[in-house]
Amino acid sequence: ALLGFWHTISTIRSNYQNGTTKFRSRFWYPFN
């Protein structure tokens, strides 16, 4: 649940930061 929650937040953030045209999914996200 915690892993999925972290990836959900990271996926949403990546989409809105890069824009829908430049979005590219990842199977893991680095911890800033």
ModelCIF file with pLDDT and N, C-alpha, C, O atoms, coordinates in Angstrom:
data_MODEL
#
_entry.id   MODEL 
#
_entity.id                         1 
_entity.type                       polymer 
_entity.pdbx_number_of_molecules   1 
#
_entity_poly.entity_id                      1 
_entity_poly.type                           'polypeptide(L)' 
_entity_poly.nstd_linkage                   no 
_entity_poly.nstd_monomer                   no 
_entity_poly.pdbx_seq_one_letter_code       ALLGFWHTISTIRSNYQNGTTKFRSRFWYPFN 
_entity_poly.pdbx_seq_one_letter_code_can   ALLGFWHTISTIRSNYQNGTTKFRSRFWYPFN 
_entity_poly.pdbx_strand_id                 A 
#
loop_
_entity_poly_seq.entity_id 
_entity_poly_seq.num 
_entity_poly_seq.mon_id 
_entity_poly_seq.hetero 
1 1  ALA n 
1 2  LEU n 
1 3  LEU n 
1 4  GLY n 
1 5  PHE n 
1 6  TRP n 
1 7  HIS n 
1 8  THR n 
1 9  ILE n 
1 10 SER n 
1 11 THR n 
1 12 ILE n 
1 13 ARG n 
1 14 SER n 
1 15 ASN n 
1 16 TYR n 
1 17 GLN n 
1 18 ASN n 
1 19 GLY n 
1 20 THR n 
1 21 THR n 
1 22 LYS n 
1 23 PHE n 
1 24 ARG n 
1 25 SER n 
1 26 ARG n 
1 27 PHE n 
1 28 TRP n 
1 29 TYR n 
1 30 PRO n 
1 31 PHE n 
1 32 ASN n 
#
_struct_asym.id          A 
_struct_asym.entity_id   1 
#
loop_
_ma_qa_metric.id 
_ma_qa_metric.mode 
_ma_qa_metric.name 
_ma_qa_metric.software_group_id 
_ma_qa_metric.type 
1 global pLDDT . pLDDT 
2 local  pLDDT . pLDDT 
#
_ma_qa_metric_global.metric_id      1 
_ma_qa_metric_global.metric_value   88.81 
_ma_qa_metric_global.model_id       1 
_ma_qa_metric_global.ordinal_id     1 
#
loop_
_ma_qa_metric_local.label_asym_id 
_ma_qa_metric_local.label_comp_id 
_ma_qa_metric_local.label_seq_id 
_ma_qa_metric_local.metric_id 
_ma_qa_metric_local.metric_value 
_ma_qa_metric_local.model_id 
_ma_qa_metric_local.ordinal_id 
A ALA 1  2 95.00 1 1  
A LEU 2  2 94.00 1 2  
A LEU 3  2 93.00 1 3  
A GLY 4  2 95.00 1 4  
A PHE 5  2 95.00 1 5  
A TRP 6  2 93.00 1 6  
A HIS 7  2 94.00 1 7  
A THR 8  2 96.00 1 8  
A ILE 9  2 95.00 1 9  
A SER 10 2 93.00 1 10 
A THR 11 2 94.00 1 11 
A ILE 12 2 93.00 1 12 
A ARG 13 2 91.00 1 13 
A SER 14 2 90.00 1 14 
A ASN 15 2 90.00 1 15 
A TYR 16 2 87.00 1 16 
A GLN 17 2 84.00 1 17 
A ASN 18 2 81.00 1 18 
A GLY 19 2 78.00 1 19 
A THR 20 2 75.00 1 20 
A THR 21 2 81.00 1 21 
A LYS 22 2 85.00 1 22 
A PHE 23 2 90.00 1 23 
A ARG 24 2 90.00 1 24 
A SER 25 2 90.00 1 25 
A ARG 26 2 89.00 1 26 
A PHE 27 2 90.00 1 27 
A TRP 28 2 86.00 1 28 
A TYR 29 2 88.00 1 29 
A PRO 30 2 85.00 1 30 
A PHE 31 2 83.00 1 31 
A ASN 32 2 79.00 1 32 
#
loop_
_atom_site.group_PDB 
_atom_site.id 
_atom_site.type_symbol 
_atom_site.label_atom_id 
_atom_site.label_alt_id 
_atom_site.label_comp_id 
_atom_site.label_asym_id 
_atom_site.label_entity_id 
_atom_site.label_seq_id 
_atom_site.pdbx_PDB_ins_code 
_atom_site.Cartn_x 
_atom_site.Cartn_y 
_atom_site.Cartn_z 
_atom_site.occupancy 
_atom_site.B_iso_or_equiv 
_atom_site.pdbx_formal_charge 
_atom_site.auth_seq_id 
_atom_site.auth_comp_id 
_atom_site.auth_asym_id 
_atom_site.auth_atom_id 
_atom_site.pdbx_PDB_model_num 
ATOM 1   N N  . ALA A 1 1  ? 0.828  -1.206 0.000   1.00 95.00 ? 1  ALA A N  1 
ATOM 2   C CA . ALA A 1 1  ? 0.000  0.000  0.000   1.00 95.00 ? 1  ALA A CA 1 
ATOM 3   C C  . ALA A 1 1  ? 0.863  1.257  0.000   1.00 95.00 ? 1  ALA A C  1 
ATOM 4   O O  . ALA A 1 1  ? 0.583  2.201  -0.739  1.00 95.00 ? 1  ALA A O  1 
ATOM 5   N N  . LEU A 1 2  ? 1.911  1.278  0.823   1.00 94.00 ? 2  LEU A N  1 
ATOM 6   C CA . LEU A 1 2  ? 2.793  2.447  0.878   1.00 94.00 ? 2  LEU A CA 1 
ATOM 7   C C  . LEU A 1 2  ? 3.561  2.610  -0.433  1.00 94.00 ? 2  LEU A C  1 
ATOM 8   O O  . LEU A 1 2  ? 3.734  3.729  -0.915  1.00 94.00 ? 2  LEU A O  1 
ATOM 9   N N  . LEU A 1 3  ? 4.020  1.503  -1.009  1.00 93.00 ? 3  LEU A N  1 
ATOM 10  C CA . LEU A 1 3  ? 4.731  1.570  -2.286  1.00 93.00 ? 3  LEU A CA 1 
ATOM 11  C C  . LEU A 1 3  ? 3.818  2.095  -3.390  1.00 93.00 ? 3  LEU A C  1 
ATOM 12  O O  . LEU A 1 3  ? 4.218  2.956  -4.174  1.00 93.00 ? 3  LEU A O  1 
ATOM 13  N N  . GLY A 1 4  ? 2.602  1.581  -3.451  1.00 95.00 ? 4  GLY A N  1 
ATOM 14  C CA . GLY A 1 4  ? 1.658  2.057  -4.451  1.00 95.00 ? 4  GLY A CA 1 
ATOM 15  C C  . GLY A 1 4  ? 1.286  3.510  -4.254  1.00 95.00 ? 4  GLY A C  1 
ATOM 16  O O  . GLY A 1 4  ? 1.115  4.244  -5.227  1.00 95.00 ? 4  GLY A O  1 
ATOM 17  N N  . PHE A 1 5  ? 1.158  3.938  -3.002  1.00 95.00 ? 5  PHE A N  1 
ATOM 18  C CA . PHE A 1 5  ? 0.824  5.335  -2.711  1.00 95.00 ? 5  PHE A CA 1 
ATOM 19  C C  . PHE A 1 5  ? 1.943  6.264  -3.174  1.00 95.00 ? 5  PHE A C  1 
ATOM 20  O O  . PHE A 1 5  ? 1.675  7.318  -3.751  1.00 95.00 ? 5  PHE A O  1 
ATOM 21  N N  . TRP A 1 6  ? 3.206  5.878  -2.923  1.00 93.00 ? 6  TRP A N  1 
ATOM 22  C CA . TRP A 1 6  ? 4.348  6.678  -3.364  1.00 93.00 ? 6  TRP A CA 1 
ATOM 23  C C  . TRP A 1 6  ? 4.400  6.773  -4.886  1.00 93.00 ? 6  TRP A C  1 
ATOM 24  O O  . TRP A 1 6  ? 4.662  7.844  -5.433  1.00 93.00 ? 6  TRP A O  1 
ATOM 25  N N  . HIS A 1 7  ? 4.152  5.663  -5.565  1.00 94.00 ? 7  HIS A N  1 
ATOM 26  C CA . HIS A 1 7  ? 4.184  5.669  -7.027  1.00 94.00 ? 7  HIS A CA 1 
ATOM 27  C C  . HIS A 1 7  ? 2.995  6.440  -7.601  1.00 94.00 ? 7  HIS A C  1 
ATOM 28  O O  . HIS A 1 7  ? 3.116  7.055  -8.661  1.00 94.00 ? 7  HIS A O  1 
ATOM 29  N N  . THR A 1 8  ? 1.867  6.416  -6.927  1.00 96.00 ? 8  THR A N  1 
ATOM 30  C CA . THR A 1 8  ? 0.713  7.184  -7.400  1.00 96.00 ? 8  THR A CA 1 
ATOM 31  C C  . THR A 1 8  ? 0.999  8.680  -7.353  1.00 96.00 ? 8  THR A C  1 
ATOM 32  O O  . THR A 1 8  ? 0.760  9.393  -8.328  1.00 96.00 ? 8  THR A O  1 
ATOM 33  N N  . ILE A 1 9  ? 1.508  9.154  -6.227  1.00 95.00 ? 9  ILE A N  1 
ATOM 34  C CA . ILE A 1 9  ? 1.849  10.572 -6.102  1.00 95.00 ? 9  ILE A CA 1 
ATOM 35  C C  . ILE A 1 9  ? 2.907  10.964 -7.134  1.00 95.00 ? 9  ILE A C  1 
ATOM 36  O O  . ILE A 1 9  ? 2.799  12.013 -7.769  1.00 95.00 ? 9  ILE A O  1 
ATOM 37  N N  . SER A 1 10 ? 3.922  10.127 -7.298  1.00 93.00 ? 10 SER A N  1 
ATOM 38  C CA . SER A 1 10 ? 5.004  10.437 -8.229  1.00 93.00 ? 10 SER A CA 1 
ATOM 39  C C  . SER A 1 10 ? 4.508  10.457 -9.672  1.00 93.00 ? 10 SER A C  1 
ATOM 40  O O  . SER A 1 10 ? 4.941  11.295 -10.463 1.00 93.00 ? 10 SER A O  1 
ATOM 41  N N  . THR A 1 11 ? 3.604  9.542  -10.023 1.00 94.00 ? 11 THR A N  1 
ATOM 42  C CA . THR A 1 11 ? 3.066  9.508  -11.388 1.00 94.00 ? 11 THR A CA 1 
ATOM 43  C C  . THR A 1 11 ? 2.230  10.741 -11.679 1.00 94.00 ? 11 THR A C  1 
ATOM 44  O O  . THR A 1 11 ? 2.359  11.337 -12.749 1.00 94.00 ? 11 THR A O  1 
ATOM 45  N N  . ILE A 1 12 ? 1.383  11.128 -10.751 1.00 93.00 ? 12 ILE A N  1 
ATOM 46  C CA . ILE A 1 12 ? 0.552  12.321 -10.936 1.00 93.00 ? 12 ILE A CA 1 
ATOM 47  C C  . ILE A 1 12 ? 1.426  13.567 -11.015 1.00 93.00 ? 12 ILE A C  1 
ATOM 48  O O  . ILE A 1 12 ? 1.206  14.424 -11.871 1.00 93.00 ? 12 ILE A O  1 
ATOM 49  N N  . ARG A 1 13 ? 2.405  13.674 -10.141 1.00 91.00 ? 13 ARG A N  1 
ATOM 50  C CA . ARG A 1 13 ? 3.295  14.837 -10.148 1.00 91.00 ? 13 ARG A CA 1 
ATOM 51  C C  . ARG A 1 13 ? 4.080  14.918 -11.450 1.00 91.00 ? 13 ARG A C  1 
ATOM 52  O O  . ARG A 1 13 ? 4.244  16.003 -12.007 1.00 91.00 ? 13 ARG A O  1 
ATOM 53  N N  . SER A 1 14 ? 4.570  13.778 -11.943 1.00 90.00 ? 14 SER A N  1 
ATOM 54  C CA . SER A 1 14 ? 5.323  13.767 -13.190 1.00 90.00 ? 14 SER A CA 1 
ATOM 55  C C  . SER A 1 14 ? 4.456  14.210 -14.356 1.00 90.00 ? 14 SER A C  1 
ATOM 56  O O  . SER A 1 14 ? 4.923  14.921 -15.246 1.00 90.00 ? 14 SER A O  1 
ATOM 57  N N  . ASN A 1 15 ? 3.200  13.794 -14.356 1.00 90.00 ? 15 ASN A N  1 
ATOM 58  C CA . ASN A 1 15 ? 2.306  14.162 -15.450 1.00 90.00 ? 15 ASN A CA 1 
ATOM 59  C C  . ASN A 1 15 ? 2.038  15.664 -15.477 1.00 90.00 ? 15 ASN A C  1 
ATOM 60  O O  . ASN A 1 15 ? 2.062  16.272 -16.547 1.00 90.00 ? 15 ASN A O  1 
ATOM 61  N N  . TYR A 1 16 ? 1.787  16.266 -14.329 1.00 87.00 ? 16 TYR A N  1 
ATOM 62  C CA . TYR A 1 16 ? 1.444  17.676 -14.290 1.00 87.00 ? 16 TYR A CA 1 
ATOM 63  C C  . TYR A 1 16 ? 2.669  18.592 -14.343 1.00 87.00 ? 16 TYR A C  1 
ATOM 64  O O  . TYR A 1 16 ? 2.546  19.769 -14.681 1.00 87.00 ? 16 TYR A O  1 
ATOM 65  N N  . GLN A 1 17 ? 3.834  18.068 -14.016 1.00 84.00 ? 17 GLN A N  1 
ATOM 66  C CA . GLN A 1 17 ? 5.048  18.860 -14.150 1.00 84.00 ? 17 GLN A CA 1 
ATOM 67  C C  . GLN A 1 17 ? 5.564  18.871 -15.583 1.00 84.00 ? 17 GLN A C  1 
ATOM 68  O O  . GLN A 1 17 ? 5.986  19.912 -16.087 1.00 84.00 ? 17 GLN A O  1 
ATOM 69  N N  . ASN A 1 18 ? 5.531  17.713 -16.240 1.00 81.00 ? 18 ASN A N  1 
ATOM 70  C CA . ASN A 1 18 ? 6.045  17.613 -17.600 1.00 81.00 ? 18 ASN A CA 1 
ATOM 71  C C  . ASN A 1 18 ? 5.000  17.912 -18.668 1.00 81.00 ? 18 ASN A C  1 
ATOM 72  O O  . ASN A 1 18 ? 5.339  18.185 -19.820 1.00 81.00 ? 18 ASN A O  1 
ATOM 73  N N  . GLY A 1 19 ? 3.733  17.859 -18.279 1.00 78.00 ? 19 GLY A N  1 
ATOM 74  C CA . GLY A 1 19 ? 2.681  18.043 -19.269 1.00 78.00 ? 19 GLY A CA 1 
ATOM 75  C C  . GLY A 1 19 ? 2.301  16.725 -19.916 1.00 78.00 ? 19 GLY A C  1 
ATOM 76  O O  . GLY A 1 19 ? 3.103  15.792 -19.961 1.00 78.00 ? 19 GLY A O  1 
ATOM 77  N N  . THR A 1 20 ? 1.081  16.650 -20.416 1.00 75.00 ? 20 THR A N  1 
ATOM 78  C CA . THR A 1 20 ? 0.576  15.398 -20.974 1.00 75.00 ? 20 THR A CA 1 
ATOM 79  C C  . THR A 1 20 ? 1.330  14.984 -22.235 1.00 75.00 ? 20 THR A C  1 
ATOM 80  O O  . THR A 1 20 ? 1.429  13.793 -22.532 1.00 75.00 ? 20 THR A O  1 
ATOM 81  N N  . THR A 1 21 ? 1.860  15.950 -22.976 1.00 81.00 ? 21 THR A N  1 
ATOM 82  C CA . THR A 1 21 ? 2.563  15.613 -24.219 1.00 81.00 ? 21 THR A CA 1 
ATOM 83  C C  . THR A 1 21 ? 3.969  15.072 -23.967 1.00 81.00 ? 21 THR A C  1 
ATOM 84  O O  . THR A 1 21 ? 4.495  14.318 -24.786 1.00 81.00 ? 21 THR A O  1 
ATOM 85  N N  . LYS A 1 22 ? 4.580  15.448 -22.849 1.00 85.00 ? 22 LYS A N  1 
ATOM 86  C CA . LYS A 1 22 ? 5.943  15.017 -22.548 1.00 85.00 ? 22 LYS A CA 1 
ATOM 87  C C  . LYS A 1 22 ? 5.997  13.954 -21.448 1.00 85.00 ? 22 LYS A C  1 
ATOM 88  O O  . LYS A 1 22 ? 7.083  13.565 -21.016 1.00 85.00 ? 22 LYS A O  1 
ATOM 89  N N  . PHE A 1 23 ? 4.838  13.485 -20.997 1.00 90.00 ? 23 PHE A N  1 
ATOM 90  C CA . PHE A 1 23 ? 4.819  12.499 -19.918 1.00 90.00 ? 23 PHE A CA 1 
ATOM 91  C C  . PHE A 1 23 ? 5.378  11.167 -20.397 1.00 90.00 ? 23 PHE A C  1 
ATOM 92  O O  . PHE A 1 23 ? 5.092  10.722 -21.509 1.00 90.00 ? 23 PHE A O  1 
ATOM 93  N N  . ARG A 1 24 ? 6.176  10.539 -19.544 1.00 90.00 ? 24 ARG A N  1 
ATOM 94  C CA . ARG A 1 24 ? 6.707  9.199  -19.794 1.00 90.00 ? 24 ARG A CA 1 
ATOM 95  C C  . ARG A 1 24 ? 6.714  8.440  -18.468 1.00 90.00 ? 24 ARG A C  1 
ATOM 96  O O  . ARG A 1 24 ? 7.298  8.893  -17.484 1.00 90.00 ? 24 ARG A O  1 
ATOM 97  N N  . SER A 1 25 ? 6.064  7.296  -18.458 1.00 90.00 ? 25 SER A N  1 
ATOM 98  C CA . SER A 1 25 ? 5.899  6.531  -17.228 1.00 90.00 ? 25 SER A CA 1 
ATOM 99  C C  . SER A 1 25 ? 7.224  5.909  -16.802 1.00 90.00 ? 25 SER A C  1 
ATOM 100 O O  . SER A 1 25 ? 8.133  5.710  -17.608 1.00 90.00 ? 25 SER A O  1 
ATOM 101 N N  . ARG A 1 26 ? 7.301  5.612  -15.518 1.00 89.00 ? 26 ARG A N  1 
ATOM 102 C CA . ARG A 1 26 ? 8.460  4.944  -14.937 1.00 89.00 ? 26 ARG A CA 1 
ATOM 103 C C  . ARG A 1 26 ? 7.962  3.821  -14.034 1.00 89.00 ? 26 ARG A C  1 
ATOM 104 O O  . ARG A 1 26 ? 6.857  3.885  -13.495 1.00 89.00 ? 26 ARG A O  1 
ATOM 105 N N  . PHE A 1 27 ? 8.791  2.790  -13.877 1.00 90.00 ? 27 PHE A N  1 
ATOM 106 C CA . PHE A 1 27 ? 8.452  1.687  -12.983 1.00 90.00 ? 27 PHE A CA 1 
ATOM 107 C C  . PHE A 1 27 ? 9.046  1.884  -11.597 1.00 90.00 ? 27 PHE A C  1 
ATOM 108 O O  . PHE A 1 27 ? 8.854  1.055  -10.708 1.00 90.00 ? 27 PHE A O  1 
ATOM 109 N N  . TRP A 1 28 ? 9.759  2.974  -11.420 1.00 86.00 ? 28 TRP A N  1 
ATOM 110 C CA . TRP A 1 28 ? 10.215 3.376  -10.099 1.00 86.00 ? 28 TRP A CA 1 
ATOM 111 C C  . TRP A 1 28 ? 10.498 4.874  -10.151 1.00 86.00 ? 28 TRP A C  1 
ATOM 112 O O  . TRP A 1 28 ? 10.751 5.416  -11.227 1.00 86.00 ? 28 TRP A O  1 
ATOM 113 N N  . TYR A 1 29 ? 10.459 5.542  -9.011  1.00 88.00 ? 29 TYR A N  1 
ATOM 114 C CA . TYR A 1 29 ? 10.680 6.983  -8.949  1.00 88.00 ? 29 TYR A CA 1 
ATOM 115 C C  . TYR A 1 29 ? 11.726 7.294  -7.885  1.00 88.00 ? 29 TYR A C  1 
ATOM 116 O O  . TYR A 1 29 ? 11.643 6.791  -6.764  1.00 88.00 ? 29 TYR A O  1 
ATOM 117 N N  . PRO A 1 30 ? 12.715 8.125  -8.233  1.00 85.00 ? 30 PRO A N  1 
ATOM 118 C CA . PRO A 1 30 ? 13.755 8.466  -7.260  1.00 85.00 ? 30 PRO A CA 1 
ATOM 119 C C  . PRO A 1 30 ? 13.191 9.315  -6.132  1.00 85.00 ? 30 PRO A C  1 
ATOM 120 O O  . PRO A 1 30 ? 12.232 10.063 -6.319  1.00 85.00 ? 30 PRO A O  1 
ATOM 121 N N  . PHE A 1 31 ? 13.786 9.194  -4.986  1.00 83.00 ? 31 PHE A N  1 
ATOM 122 C CA . PHE A 1 31 ? 13.390 9.968  -3.808  1.00 83.00 ? 31 PHE A CA 1 
ATOM 123 C C  . PHE A 1 31 ? 14.251 11.221 -3.739  1.00 83.00 ? 31 PHE A C  1 
ATOM 124 O O  . PHE A 1 31 ? 15.464 11.144 -3.548  1.00 83.00 ? 31 PHE A O  1 
ATOM 125 N N  . ASN A 1 32 ? 13.607 12.384 -3.897  1.00 79.00 ? 32 ASN A N  1 
ATOM 126 C CA . ASN A 1 32 ? 14.335 13.646 -3.882  1.00 79.00 ? 32 ASN A CA 1 
ATOM 127 C C  . ASN A 1 32 ? 14.791 13.968 -2.468  1.00 79.00 ? 32 ASN A C  1 
ATOM 128 O O  . ASN A 1 32 ? 15.425 14.999 -2.244  1.00 79.00 ? 32 ASN A O  1 
#
